[in-house]
Amino acid sequence: MVSFFKILRLYVLYDWFSSISSTGEGVWIGANTVILPGVTIGSNVAIGANSVVTKDIPSNTVYGGVPAKFIKNK
């Protein structure tokens, strides 16, 4: 039997991850990267491992760090 709290937890996780929108193709996200809700990631973007993405990322760029900062254009 599934408890109410498990259903609530799944709903909260779905709501959390459904607010992330990755527009376009060719997005690379490194291991252990945290992307906060409401952040939009452009096309052809690379995000380094262990980064924390707090703001929108434009297309054709490389970001990394805590918080994720611009590194270079592709």
C-alpha atoms as a PDB file:
ATOM      1  CA  MET A   1       0.000   0.000   0.000  1.00  0.00           C
ATOM      2  CA  VAL A   2       1.300   3.437  -0.911  1.00  0.00           C
ATOM      3  CA  SER A   3       1.141   5.969   1.876  1.00  0.00           C
ATOM      4  CA  PHE A   4      -0.117   9.504   1.547  1.00  0.00           C
ATOM      5  CA  PHE A   5       3.358  10.884   2.305  1.00  0.00           C
ATOM      6  CA  LYS A   6       4.981   8.900  -0.501  1.00  0.00           C
ATOM      7  CA  ILE A   7       2.421  10.242  -2.968  1.00  0.00           C
ATOM      8  CA  LEU A   8       2.932  13.780  -1.655  1.00  0.00           C
ATOM      9  CA  ARG A   9       6.712  13.415  -1.920  1.00  0.00           C
ATOM     10  CA  LEU A  10       6.468  12.178  -5.519  1.00  0.00           C
ATOM     11  CA  TYR A  11       4.171  15.073  -6.389  1.00  0.00           C
ATOM     12  CA  VAL A  12       6.567  17.610  -4.855  1.00  0.00           C
ATOM     13  CA  LEU A  13       9.524  16.099  -6.725  1.00  0.00           C
ATOM     14  CA  TYR A  14       7.557  16.133  -9.990  1.00  0.00           C
ATOM     15  CA  ASP A  15       6.582  19.747  -9.432  1.00  0.00           C
ATOM     16  CA  TRP A  16      10.205  20.628  -8.608  1.00  0.00           C
ATOM     17  CA  PHE A  17      11.643  19.015 -11.742  1.00  0.00           C
ATOM     18  CA  SER A  18       8.848  19.991 -14.097  1.00  0.00           C
ATOM     19  CA  SER A  19       9.702  23.676 -13.619  1.00  0.00           C
ATOM     20  CA  ILE A  20      13.117  23.144 -15.255  1.00  0.00           C
ATOM     21  CA  SER A  21      12.861  23.758 -18.960  1.00  0.00           C
ATOM     22  CA  SER A  22      15.687  22.799 -21.275  1.00  0.00           C
ATOM     23  CA  THR A  23      15.039  24.440 -24.628  1.00  0.00           C
ATOM     24  CA  GLY A  24      16.808  23.046 -27.628  1.00  0.00           C
ATOM     25  CA  GLU A  25      19.248  20.240 -28.197  1.00  0.00           C
ATOM     26  CA  GLY A  26      22.824  19.453 -27.303  1.00  0.00           C
ATOM     27  CA  VAL A  27      22.653  20.242 -23.572  1.00  0.00           C
ATOM     28  CA  TRP A  28      25.366  18.570 -21.482  1.00  0.00           C
ATOM     29  CA  ILE A  29      24.905  18.554 -17.701  1.00  0.00           C
ATOM     30  CA  GLY A  30      27.772  17.318 -15.516  1.00  0.00           C
ATOM     31  CA  ALA A  31      27.415  14.881 -12.626  1.00  0.00           C
ATOM     32  CA  ASN A  32      26.006  16.141  -9.300  1.00  0.00           C
ATOM     33  CA  THR A  33      24.780  19.390 -10.867  1.00  0.00           C
ATOM     34  CA  VAL A  34      21.897  21.149  -9.103  1.00  0.00           C
ATOM     35  CA  ILE A  35      19.486  23.153 -11.280  1.00  0.00           C
ATOM     36  CA  LEU A  36      17.082  25.336  -9.315  1.00  0.00           C
ATOM     37  CA  PRO A  37      13.405  25.555 -10.319  1.00  0.00           C
ATOM     38  CA  GLY A  38      12.429  28.074 -12.963  1.00  0.00           C
ATOM     39  CA  VAL A  39      15.829  28.098 -14.683  1.00  0.00           C
ATOM     40  CA  THR A  40      15.832  27.971 -18.492  1.00  0.00           C
ATOM     41  CA  ILE A  41      18.772  26.366 -20.261  1.00  0.00           C
ATOM     42  CA  GLY A  42      19.451  27.299 -23.885  1.00  0.00           C
ATOM     43  CA  SER A  43      20.577  25.085 -26.769  1.00  0.00           C
ATOM     44  CA  ASN A  44      24.111  23.716 -27.103  1.00  0.00           C
ATOM     45  CA  VAL A  45      25.047  24.402 -23.473  1.00  0.00           C
ATOM     46  CA  ALA A  46      27.624  22.610 -21.307  1.00  0.00           C
ATOM     47  CA  ILE A  47      27.387  22.788 -17.505  1.00  0.00           C
ATOM     48  CA  GLY A  48      30.341  21.565 -15.447  1.00  0.00           C
ATOM     49  CA  ALA A  49      30.110  18.875 -12.791  1.00  0.00           C
ATOM     50  CA  ASN A  50      29.122  19.850  -9.222  1.00  0.00           C
ATOM     51  CA  SER A  51      27.697  23.189 -10.396  1.00  0.00           C
ATOM     52  CA  VAL A  52      24.692  24.990  -8.941  1.00  0.00           C
ATOM     53  CA  VAL A  53      22.643  26.728 -11.646  1.00  0.00           C
ATOM     54  CA  THR A  54      20.690  29.648 -10.183  1.00  0.00           C
ATOM     55  CA  LYS A  55      19.998  31.781 -13.279  1.00  0.00           C
ATOM     56  CA  ASP A  56      19.020  31.281 -16.912  1.00  0.00           C
ATOM     57  CA  ILE A  57      21.789  30.110 -19.241  1.00  0.00           C
ATOM     58  CA  PRO A  58      21.880  31.424 -22.832  1.00  0.00           C
ATOM     59  CA  SER A  59      22.557  29.221 -25.862  1.00  0.00           C
ATOM     60  CA  ASN A  60      26.052  28.237 -27.053  1.00  0.00           C
ATOM     61  CA  THR A  61      27.830  28.759 -23.738  1.00  0.00           C
ATOM     62  CA  VAL A  62      29.782  26.858 -21.085  1.00  0.00           C
ATOM     63  CA  TYR A  63      28.976  27.413 -17.395  1.00  0.00           C
ATOM     64  CA  GLY A  64      30.381  25.936 -14.205  1.00  0.00           C
ATOM     65  CA  GLY A  65      30.976  26.539 -10.509  1.00  0.00           C
ATOM     66  CA  VAL A  66      28.996  27.344  -7.371  1.00  0.00           C
ATOM     67  CA  PRO A  67      27.000  29.338  -8.322  1.00  0.00           C
ATOM     68  CA  ALA A  68      27.399  28.552 -12.038  1.00  0.00           C
ATOM     69  CA  LYS A  69      29.268  31.320 -13.841  1.00  0.00           C
ATOM     70  CA  PHE A  70      30.007  31.983 -17.496  1.00  0.00           C
ATOM     71  CA  ILE A  71      33.240  30.308 -18.634  1.00  0.00           C
ATOM     72  CA  LYS A  72      33.264  30.717 -22.427  1.00  0.00           C
ATOM     73  CA  ASN A  73      31.251  30.769 -25.638  1.00  0.00           C
ATOM     74  CA  LYS A  74      31.175  27.649 -27.772  1.00  0.00           C
END
